[in-house]
Amino acid sequence: MSNASLMSRQPSNGRARMDDGPWYRQPWPWIVAAGPATVVVAGLITAWIAFSGADALVSDDYYKQGLAINRTLAREQRAQQLEMTAQVSFVPVRAPSPNPVTTNTLSSTDGVLRLHANSREPLPAVLELRLAHPTRPALDRSILLQRTGESGWYSASFSLPLATRWQVSLESPGWRLRGSWNDPLAAELRLVP
């Protein structure tokens, strides 16, 4: 090989040229492709997160719920006229245990839900107590409480899902009491109109 051909292949600073060899052995195509590839992967992860957890806060029948607001307000006003109050407590039969399968799933504990209600009007033999989780409707529960022998006392056996907070309502066709229960295992809840 002649000296002239060697001189044309080597740069003047003594390093090998960058354009020697196939493109996939060069760093620049990979550096340029890394940005769009990262965006595509992030987009797929975002789509998976969006579709794996449905947003349960939006209701399909919001119009019907809006129409029912006046009826609900009338039921709460009726409870105020009757000077109704109620105390709710949960007495566990056994201590709660964490779910061994996964720490994301809420466990539950068995116990007795007790309620004492006061009213100027006689109360029915069965009352309905609703527990609503603020963000997970699969945990919502409706419990029918039976009157015990004592005046104003109701109870029911119940398996309480361990959650941090519940929206509670005590209902009948004519009135409604409600409240927010932060820790059912530690404290009583007072329901008011």
Foldseek 3Di string as FASTA:
>chain_A
DDPVVVPVQADPVGDGDQPPDDPVVHVVVVVVVVVVVVVVVVVVVVVCVDVVDDFPPDDPPVVVVVVCPVQQVQQQVVQVVFVKKKKKAWDFPDDDDQDPVDNVAWGWTKTKIKMAMDTNDADDQKKKKWWADPGDRVQIDIDIWGDDPDPRMTMDIDIHTDDQKTWMWIDDSRHIWTDMDRGRNPDMDMTHD
